[in-house]
Amino acid sequence: MKEAFRALACQPEPLFALGFMLFPLLGLICAALGFWMILTGAVLGGVIVLVTITQAFAFGAYWAIGKRARILSGK
């Protein structure tokens, strides 16, 4: 299973899908969920969702875009 994920992480097409589509979409959904939780009264849970989960998806997208750029440049 690990070999399959490593093989996918070395190809630009899956990294494009992760970096430009999936991670930003999931980050946006989690940000909306966090704001909704704050507005409905679950302030601590909303802040945790905004700070941890949303940022994890943002950094994941940043990683995938950078890795894809390195693969396409040949470095």
C-alpha atoms as a PDB file:
ATOM      1  CA  MET A   1       0.000   0.000   0.000  1.00  0.00           C
ATOM      2  CA  LYS A   2       2.829   2.396   0.833  1.00  0.00           C
ATOM      3  CA  GLU A   3       4.462   1.677  -2.509  1.00  0.00           C
ATOM      4  CA  ALA A   4       1.252   2.604  -4.334  1.00  0.00           C
ATOM      5  CA  PHE A   5       1.039   5.951  -2.521  1.00  0.00           C
ATOM      6  CA  ARG A   6       4.707   6.648  -3.225  1.00  0.00           C
ATOM      7  CA  ALA A   7       4.146   5.878  -6.900  1.00  0.00           C
ATOM      8  CA  LEU A   8       1.219   8.309  -6.992  1.00  0.00           C
ATOM      9  CA  ALA A   9       3.274  11.004  -5.263  1.00  0.00           C
ATOM     10  CA  CYS A  10       5.862  10.816  -8.045  1.00  0.00           C
ATOM     11  CA  GLN A  11       3.430  11.566 -10.871  1.00  0.00           C
ATOM     12  CA  PRO A  12       2.236  15.100 -11.671  1.00  0.00           C
ATOM     13  CA  GLU A  13      -1.394  14.210 -12.479  1.00  0.00           C
ATOM     14  CA  PRO A  14      -2.444  13.016  -8.999  1.00  0.00           C
ATOM     15  CA  LEU A  15      -0.540  15.903  -7.430  1.00  0.00           C
ATOM     16  CA  PHE A  16      -2.437  18.312  -9.688  1.00  0.00           C
ATOM     17  CA  ALA A  17      -5.737  16.841  -8.525  1.00  0.00           C
ATOM     18  CA  LEU A  18      -4.685  17.044  -4.883  1.00  0.00           C
ATOM     19  CA  GLY A  19      -3.041  20.465  -4.954  1.00  0.00           C
ATOM     20  CA  PHE A  20      -5.423  22.393  -7.147  1.00  0.00           C
ATOM     21  CA  MET A  21      -8.757  20.618  -6.574  1.00  0.00           C
ATOM     22  CA  LEU A  22      -9.165  18.264  -3.624  1.00  0.00           C
ATOM     23  CA  PHE A  23      -7.208  19.918  -0.805  1.00  0.00           C
ATOM     24  CA  PRO A  24      -8.504  23.461  -1.501  1.00  0.00           C
ATOM     25  CA  LEU A  25     -12.089  22.182  -1.706  1.00  0.00           C
ATOM     26  CA  LEU A  26     -11.791  20.274   1.554  1.00  0.00           C
ATOM     27  CA  GLY A  27     -10.107  23.284   3.177  1.00  0.00           C
ATOM     28  CA  LEU A  28     -12.961  25.529   2.083  1.00  0.00           C
ATOM     29  CA  ILE A  29     -15.550  23.085   3.414  1.00  0.00           C
ATOM     30  CA  CYS A  30     -13.742  22.829   6.756  1.00  0.00           C
ATOM     31  CA  ALA A  31     -13.413  26.609   6.976  1.00  0.00           C
ATOM     32  CA  ALA A  32     -17.154  26.995   6.406  1.00  0.00           C
ATOM     33  CA  LEU A  33     -17.801  24.314   9.030  1.00  0.00           C
ATOM     34  CA  GLY A  34     -15.529  26.087  11.511  1.00  0.00           C
ATOM     35  CA  PHE A  35     -17.231  29.437  10.961  1.00  0.00           C
ATOM     36  CA  TRP A  36     -20.654  27.784  11.254  1.00  0.00           C
ATOM     37  CA  MET A  37     -19.621  26.188  14.548  1.00  0.00           C
ATOM     38  CA  ILE A  38     -18.454  29.560  15.873  1.00  0.00           C
ATOM     39  CA  LEU A  39     -21.688  31.273  14.834  1.00  0.00           C
ATOM     40  CA  THR A  40     -23.846  28.575  16.424  1.00  0.00           C
ATOM     41  CA  GLY A  41     -22.071  28.753  19.763  1.00  0.00           C
ATOM     42  CA  ALA A  42     -19.454  25.999  19.630  1.00  0.00           C
ATOM     43  CA  VAL A  43     -16.596  28.501  19.701  1.00  0.00           C
ATOM     44  CA  LEU A  44     -13.849  26.195  20.945  1.00  0.00           C
ATOM     45  CA  GLY A  45     -14.682  23.450  18.444  1.00  0.00           C
ATOM     46  CA  GLY A  46     -14.928  25.966  15.608  1.00  0.00           C
ATOM     47  CA  VAL A  47     -11.564  27.488  16.413  1.00  0.00           C
ATOM     48  CA  ILE A  48      -9.995  24.025  16.580  1.00  0.00           C
ATOM     49  CA  VAL A  49     -11.442  23.139  13.175  1.00  0.00           C
ATOM     50  CA  LEU A  50     -10.230  26.423  11.692  1.00  0.00           C
ATOM     51  CA  VAL A  51      -6.747  26.245  13.160  1.00  0.00           C
ATOM     52  CA  THR A  52      -5.936  22.557  12.701  1.00  0.00           C
ATOM     53  CA  ILE A  53      -7.966  20.857   9.993  1.00  0.00           C
ATOM     54  CA  THR A  54      -8.300  23.791   7.618  1.00  0.00           C
ATOM     55  CA  GLN A  55      -4.606  24.624   7.906  1.00  0.00           C
ATOM     56  CA  ALA A  56      -3.673  20.979   7.339  1.00  0.00           C
ATOM     57  CA  PHE A  57      -5.521  21.033   4.008  1.00  0.00           C
ATOM     58  CA  ALA A  58      -3.932  24.370   3.096  1.00  0.00           C
ATOM     59  CA  PHE A  59      -0.430  23.081   3.800  1.00  0.00           C
ATOM     60  CA  GLY A  60      -1.252  19.830   1.984  1.00  0.00           C
ATOM     61  CA  ALA A  61      -2.206  21.801  -1.122  1.00  0.00           C
ATOM     62  CA  TYR A  62       0.978  23.848  -0.831  1.00  0.00           C
ATOM     63  CA  TRP A  63       3.032  20.640  -0.552  1.00  0.00           C
ATOM     64  CA  ALA A  64       1.341  18.992  -3.551  1.00  0.00           C
ATOM     65  CA  ILE A  65       1.764  22.054  -5.768  1.00  0.00           C
ATOM     66  CA  GLY A  66       5.433  22.372  -4.810  1.00  0.00           C
ATOM     67  CA  LYS A  67       6.131  18.678  -5.335  1.00  0.00           C
ATOM     68  CA  ARG A  68       4.403  18.799  -8.737  1.00  0.00           C
ATOM     69  CA  ALA A  69       6.478  21.816  -9.752  1.00  0.00           C
ATOM     70  CA  ARG A  70       9.679  20.017  -8.750  1.00  0.00           C
ATOM     71  CA  ILE A  71       8.683  16.931 -10.745  1.00  0.00           C
ATOM     72  CA  LEU A  72       7.808  18.950 -13.839  1.00  0.00           C
ATOM     73  CA  SER A  73      11.035  20.951 -13.678  1.00  0.00           C
ATOM     74  CA  GLY A  74      13.068  17.745 -13.433  1.00  0.00           C
ATOM     75  CA  LYS A  75      14.761  18.492 -10.123  1.00  0.00           C
END
